[in-house]
């Protein structure tokens, strides 16, 4: 089954005509005639100009313009449908879906690693709930706070137990001095330290 482009090209060659000659006689740009013979869809003119050119070109070569135009439209639609099917198959093949899935998994995994790395290398969070200044007869002061559960907490260099929720508390003895400072330090497993202090 011949395609319209082949029929037109063969008819022109049988008459020993160059595209430039046909272009001058029909007053049609040569690039359009060449695009029709080579089926370069991207160079086709807009409709209805395209159909008129195909019909005039066929009539000029002694062919039946109406029949040739019908064949051309059939070929054009087939080619456009085939192109659309190829584009659809590109996006919905199992291989393409698998590749997308793998790519997304890798991106998520890398993001997770970066997040964990940043967490590991950052000082731990530390919030201390400082008590009110003690009265003259008070002997102890309760220091409470919250940090990361895996952190090590020291209050005035004394080690303090941290529970699974990251909460800690300790009663410290108030020194005899009138003014004193309470220092709370939370150290992460990576050695990063957060520090808070309060003067009384």
C-alpha atoms as a PDB file:
ATOM      1  CA  UNK A   1       0.000   0.000   0.000  1.00  0.00           C
ATOM      2  CA  UNK A   2       1.596   3.244  -1.209  1.00  0.00           C
ATOM      3  CA  UNK A   3       1.672   6.328   0.954  1.00  0.00           C
ATOM      4  CA  UNK A   4       0.646   9.720  -0.417  1.00  0.00           C
ATOM      5  CA  UNK A   5       4.177  11.045   0.006  1.00  0.00           C
ATOM      6  CA  UNK A   6       5.565   8.198  -2.143  1.00  0.00           C
ATOM      7  CA  UNK A   7       2.872   8.634  -4.794  1.00  0.00           C
ATOM      8  CA  UNK A   8       3.596  12.357  -5.120  1.00  0.00           C
ATOM      9  CA  UNK A   9       7.362  11.920  -5.104  1.00  0.00           C
ATOM     10  CA  UNK A  10       7.287   9.146  -7.737  1.00  0.00           C
ATOM     11  CA  UNK A  11       4.914  11.122  -9.968  1.00  0.00           C
ATOM     12  CA  UNK A  12       7.204  14.153  -9.813  1.00  0.00           C
ATOM     13  CA  UNK A  13      10.312  12.115 -10.586  1.00  0.00           C
ATOM     14  CA  UNK A  14       8.534  10.390 -13.492  1.00  0.00           C
ATOM     15  CA  UNK A  15       8.001  13.830 -14.991  1.00  0.00           C
ATOM     16  CA  UNK A  16      11.641  14.778 -14.242  1.00  0.00           C
ATOM     17  CA  UNK A  17      10.555  17.799 -12.230  1.00  0.00           C
ATOM     18  CA  UNK A  18      12.516  19.452  -9.463  1.00  0.00           C
ATOM     19  CA  UNK A  19      10.767  20.715  -6.369  1.00  0.00           C
ATOM     20  CA  UNK A  20      11.958  24.207  -7.184  1.00  0.00           C
ATOM     21  CA  UNK A  21      10.168  24.048 -10.574  1.00  0.00           C
ATOM     22  CA  UNK A  22       6.923  22.865  -9.009  1.00  0.00           C
ATOM     23  CA  UNK A  23       7.224  25.547  -6.356  1.00  0.00           C
ATOM     24  CA  UNK A  24       7.517  28.299  -8.966  1.00  0.00           C
ATOM     25  CA  UNK A  25       4.648  27.037 -11.131  1.00  0.00           C
ATOM     26  CA  UNK A  26       2.228  26.454  -8.247  1.00  0.00           C
ATOM     27  CA  UNK A  27       3.511  29.428  -6.220  1.00  0.00           C
ATOM     28  CA  UNK A  28       3.865  27.184  -3.171  1.00  0.00           C
ATOM     29  CA  UNK A  29       6.915  27.473  -0.877  1.00  0.00           C
ATOM     30  CA  UNK A  30       9.354  24.657  -1.659  1.00  0.00           C
ATOM     31  CA  UNK A  31       9.757  23.798   2.030  1.00  0.00           C
ATOM     32  CA  UNK A  32       6.084  22.770   2.188  1.00  0.00           C
ATOM     33  CA  UNK A  33       6.351  20.500  -0.842  1.00  0.00           C
ATOM     34  CA  UNK A  34       9.495  18.928   0.571  1.00  0.00           C
ATOM     35  CA  UNK A  35       7.857  18.439   3.979  1.00  0.00           C
ATOM     36  CA  UNK A  36       4.895  16.666   2.335  1.00  0.00           C
ATOM     37  CA  UNK A  37       7.147  14.294   0.378  1.00  0.00           C
ATOM     38  CA  UNK A  38       9.346  13.570   3.415  1.00  0.00           C
ATOM     39  CA  UNK A  39       6.389  13.495   5.858  1.00  0.00           C
ATOM     40  CA  UNK A  40       8.010  16.074   8.116  1.00  0.00           C
ATOM     41  CA  UNK A  41       4.903  16.863  10.157  1.00  0.00           C
ATOM     42  CA  UNK A  42       6.571  19.655  12.106  1.00  0.00           C
ATOM     43  CA  UNK A  43       7.109  21.614   8.851  1.00  0.00           C
ATOM     44  CA  UNK A  44       3.546  21.244   7.571  1.00  0.00           C
ATOM     45  CA  UNK A  45       1.556  24.485   7.096  1.00  0.00           C
ATOM     46  CA  UNK A  46      -1.673  24.973   9.022  1.00  0.00           C
ATOM     47  CA  UNK A  47      -5.008  23.695   7.743  1.00  0.00           C
ATOM     48  CA  UNK A  48      -6.817  24.293   5.456  1.00  0.00           C
ATOM     49  CA  UNK A  49      -3.670  25.409   3.601  1.00  0.00           C
ATOM     50  CA  UNK A  50      -2.081  21.964   3.935  1.00  0.00           C
ATOM     51  CA  UNK A  51      -4.996  20.146   2.289  1.00  0.00           C
ATOM     52  CA  UNK A  52      -5.166  22.691  -0.547  1.00  0.00           C
ATOM     53  CA  UNK A  53      -1.441  22.284  -1.251  1.00  0.00           C
ATOM     54  CA  UNK A  54      -1.648  18.468  -1.338  1.00  0.00           C
ATOM     55  CA  UNK A  55      -4.651  18.580  -3.672  1.00  0.00           C
ATOM     56  CA  UNK A  56      -3.131  21.181  -6.026  1.00  0.00           C
ATOM     57  CA  UNK A  57       0.197  19.346  -6.056  1.00  0.00           C
ATOM     58  CA  UNK A  58      -1.495  16.052  -6.976  1.00  0.00           C
ATOM     59  CA  UNK A  59      -3.581  17.674  -9.731  1.00  0.00           C
ATOM     60  CA  UNK A  60      -0.481  19.384 -11.128  1.00  0.00           C
ATOM     61  CA  UNK A  61       1.255  15.998 -11.401  1.00  0.00           C
ATOM     62  CA  UNK A  62      -1.736  14.510 -13.253  1.00  0.00           C
ATOM     63  CA  UNK A  63      -3.045  12.589 -10.255  1.00  0.00           C
ATOM     64  CA  UNK A  64      -6.535  12.597  -8.801  1.00  0.00           C
ATOM     65  CA  UNK A  65      -6.290  15.395  -6.248  1.00  0.00           C
ATOM     66  CA  UNK A  66      -9.261  14.270  -4.136  1.00  0.00           C
ATOM     67  CA  UNK A  67      -8.078  10.643  -3.904  1.00  0.00           C
ATOM     68  CA  UNK A  68      -4.502  11.669  -3.157  1.00  0.00           C
ATOM     69  CA  UNK A  69      -5.699  14.022  -0.404  1.00  0.00           C
ATOM     70  CA  UNK A  70      -7.740  11.183   1.158  1.00  0.00           C
ATOM     71  CA  UNK A  71      -4.669   8.916   1.184  1.00  0.00           C
ATOM     72  CA  UNK A  72      -2.567  11.743   2.634  1.00  0.00           C
ATOM     73  CA  UNK A  73      -5.051  12.322   5.455  1.00  0.00           C
ATOM     74  CA  UNK A  74      -5.119   8.581   6.216  1.00  0.00           C
ATOM     75  CA  UNK A  75      -1.308   8.492   6.372  1.00  0.00           C
ATOM     76  CA  UNK A  76      -1.162  11.637   8.493  1.00  0.00           C
ATOM     77  CA  UNK A  77      -3.684  10.314  11.007  1.00  0.00           C
ATOM     78  CA  UNK A  78      -1.891   6.939  11.222  1.00  0.00           C
ATOM     79  CA  UNK A  79       1.439   8.626  11.882  1.00  0.00           C
ATOM     80  CA  UNK A  80      -0.040  10.939  14.493  1.00  0.00           C
ATOM     81  CA  UNK A  81      -1.784   8.032  16.244  1.00  0.00           C
ATOM     82  CA  UNK A  82       1.423   5.978  16.232  1.00  0.00           C
ATOM     83  CA  UNK A  83       3.358   8.899  17.740  1.00  0.00           C
ATOM     84  CA  UNK A  84       0.755   9.304  20.473  1.00  0.00           C
ATOM     85  CA  UNK A  85       0.874   5.566  21.267  1.00  0.00           C
ATOM     86  CA  UNK A  86       4.672   5.716  21.558  1.00  0.00           C
ATOM     87  CA  UNK A  87       4.441   8.678  23.932  1.00  0.00           C
ATOM     88  CA  UNK A  88       1.832   6.867  26.034  1.00  0.00           C
ATOM     89  CA  UNK A  89       3.871   3.677  26.159  1.00  0.00           C
ATOM     90  CA  UNK A  90       6.889   5.691  27.283  1.00  0.00           C
ATOM     91  CA  UNK A  91       5.100   6.879  30.390  1.00  0.00           C
ATOM     92  CA  UNK A  92       3.171   3.758  31.343  1.00  0.00           C
ATOM     93  CA  UNK A  93       5.479   0.811  30.713  1.00  0.00           C
ATOM     94  CA  UNK A  94       6.321  -1.372  33.721  1.00  0.00           C
ATOM     95  CA  UNK A  95      10.011  -0.566  33.165  1.00  0.00           C
ATOM     96  CA  UNK A  96       9.341   3.169  33.343  1.00  0.00           C
ATOM     97  CA  UNK A  97       7.187   2.782  36.467  1.00  0.00           C
ATOM     98  CA  UNK A  98       9.879   0.626  38.081  1.00  0.00           C
ATOM     99  CA  UNK A  99      12.591   3.193  37.306  1.00  0.00           C
ATOM    100  CA  UNK A 100      10.482   6.009  38.761  1.00  0.00           C
ATOM    101  CA  UNK A 101       9.858   3.921  41.885  1.00  0.00           C
ATOM    102  CA  UNK A 102      13.564   3.186  42.314  1.00  0.00           C
ATOM    103  CA  UNK A 103      14.460   6.855  41.775  1.00  0.00           C
ATOM    104  CA  UNK A 104      11.926   8.041  44.370  1.00  0.00           C
ATOM    105  CA  UNK A 105      13.137   5.407  46.862  1.00  0.00           C
ATOM    106  CA  UNK A 106      16.744   6.526  46.412  1.00  0.00           C
ATOM    107  CA  UNK A 107      15.805  10.197  46.890  1.00  0.00           C
ATOM    108  CA  UNK A 108      13.853   9.374  50.077  1.00  0.00           C
ATOM    109  CA  UNK A 109      16.714   7.245  51.420  1.00  0.00           C
ATOM    110  CA  UNK A 110      19.289   9.973  50.733  1.00  0.00           C
ATOM    111  CA  UNK A 111      17.028  12.580  52.384  1.00  0.00           C
ATOM    112  CA  UNK A 112      16.693  10.286  55.416  1.00  0.00           C
ATOM    113  CA  UNK A 113      20.475   9.853  55.678  1.00  0.00           C
ATOM    114  CA  UNK A 114      21.045  13.607  55.440  1.00  0.00           C
ATOM    115  CA  UNK A 115      18.389  14.233  58.091  1.00  0.00           C
ATOM    116  CA  UNK A 116      19.930  11.669  60.463  1.00  0.00           C
ATOM    117  CA  UNK A 117      23.408  13.063  59.862  1.00  0.00           C
ATOM    118  CA  UNK A 118      22.257  16.589  60.690  1.00  0.00           C
ATOM    119  CA  UNK A 119      20.447  15.371  63.816  1.00  0.00           C
ATOM    120  CA  UNK A 120      23.526  13.459  64.952  1.00  0.00           C
ATOM    121  CA  UNK A 121      25.812  16.445  64.509  1.00  0.00           C
ATOM    122  CA  UNK A 122      23.570  19.058  66.104  1.00  0.00           C
ATOM    123  CA  UNK A 123      23.572  19.996  69.790  1.00  0.00           C
ATOM    124  CA  UNK A 124      20.658  18.326  71.589  1.00  0.00           C
ATOM    125  CA  UNK A 125      17.568  20.363  72.468  1.00  0.00           C
ATOM    126  CA  UNK A 126      17.559  21.575  76.056  1.00  0.00           C
ATOM    127  CA  UNK A 127      14.780  23.260  78.026  1.00  0.00           C
ATOM    128  CA  UNK A 128      15.188  23.948  81.736  1.00  0.00           C
ATOM    129  CA  UNK A 129      12.259  24.820  84.022  1.00  0.00           C
ATOM    130  CA  UNK A 130      14.025  27.129  86.458  1.00  0.00           C
ATOM    131  CA  UNK A 131      12.495  27.392  89.953  1.00  0.00           C
ATOM    132  CA  UNK A 132      11.743  30.640  91.730  1.00  0.00           C
ATOM    133  CA  UNK A 133      14.595  32.146  93.802  1.00  0.00           C
ATOM    134  CA  UNK A 134      14.819  30.254  97.098  1.00  0.00           C
ATOM    135  CA  UNK A 135      13.768  31.767 100.431  1.00  0.00           C
ATOM    136  CA  UNK A 136      16.460  32.319 103.084  1.00  0.00           C
ATOM    137  CA  UNK A 137      15.561  29.096 104.961  1.00  0.00           C
ATOM    138  CA  UNK A 138      15.492  26.859 101.828  1.00  0.00           C
ATOM    139  CA  UNK A 139      18.304  24.297 101.699  1.00  0.00           C
ATOM    140  CA  UNK A 140      17.644  22.619  98.318  1.00  0.00           C
ATOM    141  CA  UNK A 141      16.528  23.670  94.876  1.00  0.00           C
ATOM    142  CA  UNK A 142      14.782  21.354  92.379  1.00  0.00           C
ATOM    143  CA  UNK A 143      16.027  21.728  88.807  1.00  0.00           C
ATOM    144  CA  UNK A 144      13.862  20.115  86.104  1.00  0.00           C
ATOM    145  CA  UNK A 145      14.084  20.047  82.321  1.00  0.00           C
ATOM    146  CA  UNK A 146      13.784  18.100  79.119  1.00  0.00           C
ATOM    147  CA  UNK A 147      16.298  17.118  76.420  1.00  0.00           C
ATOM    148  CA  UNK A 148      16.975  14.295  73.974  1.00  0.00           C
ATOM    149  CA  UNK A 149      16.497  10.858  75.627  1.00  0.00           C
ATOM    150  CA  UNK A 150      19.956   9.700  74.519  1.00  0.00           C
ATOM    151  CA  UNK A 151      21.769  12.760  75.865  1.00  0.00           C
ATOM    152  CA  UNK A 152      23.896  12.887  79.018  1.00  0.00           C
ATOM    153  CA  UNK A 153      22.877  15.616  81.450  1.00  0.00           C
ATOM    154  CA  UNK A 154      24.996  17.219  84.151  1.00  0.00           C
ATOM    155  CA  UNK A 155      23.885  19.843  86.650  1.00  0.00           C
ATOM    156  CA  UNK A 156      26.838  21.689  88.153  1.00  0.00           C
ATOM    157  CA  UNK A 157      29.020  18.795  86.911  1.00  0.00           C
ATOM    158  CA  UNK A 158      26.867  16.172  88.698  1.00  0.00           C
ATOM    159  CA  UNK A 159      25.491  13.428  86.445  1.00  0.00           C
ATOM    160  CA  UNK A 160      21.682  13.335  86.232  1.00  0.00           C
ATOM    161  CA  UNK A 161      19.437  10.469  85.074  1.00  0.00           C
ATOM    162  CA  UNK A 162      17.419  11.123  81.882  1.00  0.00           C
ATOM    163  CA  UNK A 163      14.268   9.038  81.365  1.00  0.00           C
ATOM    164  CA  UNK A 164      12.927   7.618  78.096  1.00  0.00           C
ATOM    165  CA  UNK A 165      10.987  10.836  77.435  1.00  0.00           C
ATOM    166  CA  UNK A 166      14.107  12.978  77.818  1.00  0.00           C
ATOM    167  CA  UNK A 167      12.926  14.421  81.166  1.00  0.00           C
ATOM    168  CA  UNK A 168      15.285  14.953  84.094  1.00  0.00           C
ATOM    169  CA  UNK A 169      15.250  16.514  87.555  1.00  0.00           C
ATOM    170  CA  UNK A 170      17.598  16.905  90.491  1.00  0.00           C
ATOM    171  CA  UNK A 171      17.552  18.532  93.900  1.00  0.00           C
ATOM    172  CA  UNK A 172      20.725  20.492  94.463  1.00  0.00           C
ATOM    173  CA  UNK A 173      21.977  21.779  97.777  1.00  0.00           C
ATOM    174  CA  UNK A 174      22.075  25.533  97.986  1.00  0.00           C
ATOM    175  CA  UNK A 175      25.626  26.661  98.817  1.00  0.00           C
ATOM    176  CA  UNK A 176      26.320  28.983 101.706  1.00  0.00           C
ATOM    177  CA  UNK A 177      27.255  31.835  99.375  1.00  0.00           C
ATOM    178  CA  UNK A 178      24.700  34.553  98.835  1.00  0.00           C
ATOM    179  CA  UNK A 179      24.913  34.371  95.016  1.00  0.00           C
ATOM    180  CA  UNK A 180      25.377  31.161  93.072  1.00  0.00           C
ATOM    181  CA  UNK A 181      24.939  29.894  89.510  1.00  0.00           C
ATOM    182  CA  UNK A 182      23.279  26.670  88.361  1.00  0.00           C
ATOM    183  CA  UNK A 183      24.704  25.262  85.131  1.00  0.00           C
ATOM    184  CA  UNK A 184      22.868  22.559  83.134  1.00  0.00           C
ATOM    185  CA  UNK A 185      24.645  20.775  80.270  1.00  0.00           C
ATOM    186  CA  UNK A 186      23.196  18.235  77.844  1.00  0.00           C
ATOM    187  CA  UNK A 187      25.668  16.299  75.690  1.00  0.00           C
ATOM    188  CA  UNK A 188      24.617  14.235  72.648  1.00  0.00           C
ATOM    189  CA  UNK A 189      26.207  10.840  71.738  1.00  0.00           C
ATOM    190  CA  UNK A 190      28.222  12.702  69.072  1.00  0.00           C
ATOM    191  CA  UNK A 191      29.723  14.995  71.725  1.00  0.00           C
ATOM    192  CA  UNK A 192      27.729  18.123  70.890  1.00  0.00           C
ATOM    193  CA  UNK A 193      26.687  20.088  73.985  1.00  0.00           C
ATOM    194  CA  UNK A 194      23.820  22.440  74.809  1.00  0.00           C
ATOM    195  CA  UNK A 195      24.191  24.613  77.893  1.00  0.00           C
ATOM    196  CA  UNK A 196      21.845  26.666  80.068  1.00  0.00           C
ATOM    197  CA  UNK A 197      22.554  28.550  83.286  1.00  0.00           C
ATOM    198  CA  UNK A 198      20.710  30.626  85.812  1.00  0.00           C
ATOM    199  CA  UNK A 199      22.010  32.837  88.602  1.00  0.00           C
ATOM    200  CA  UNK A 200      20.413  33.052  92.046  1.00  0.00           C
END
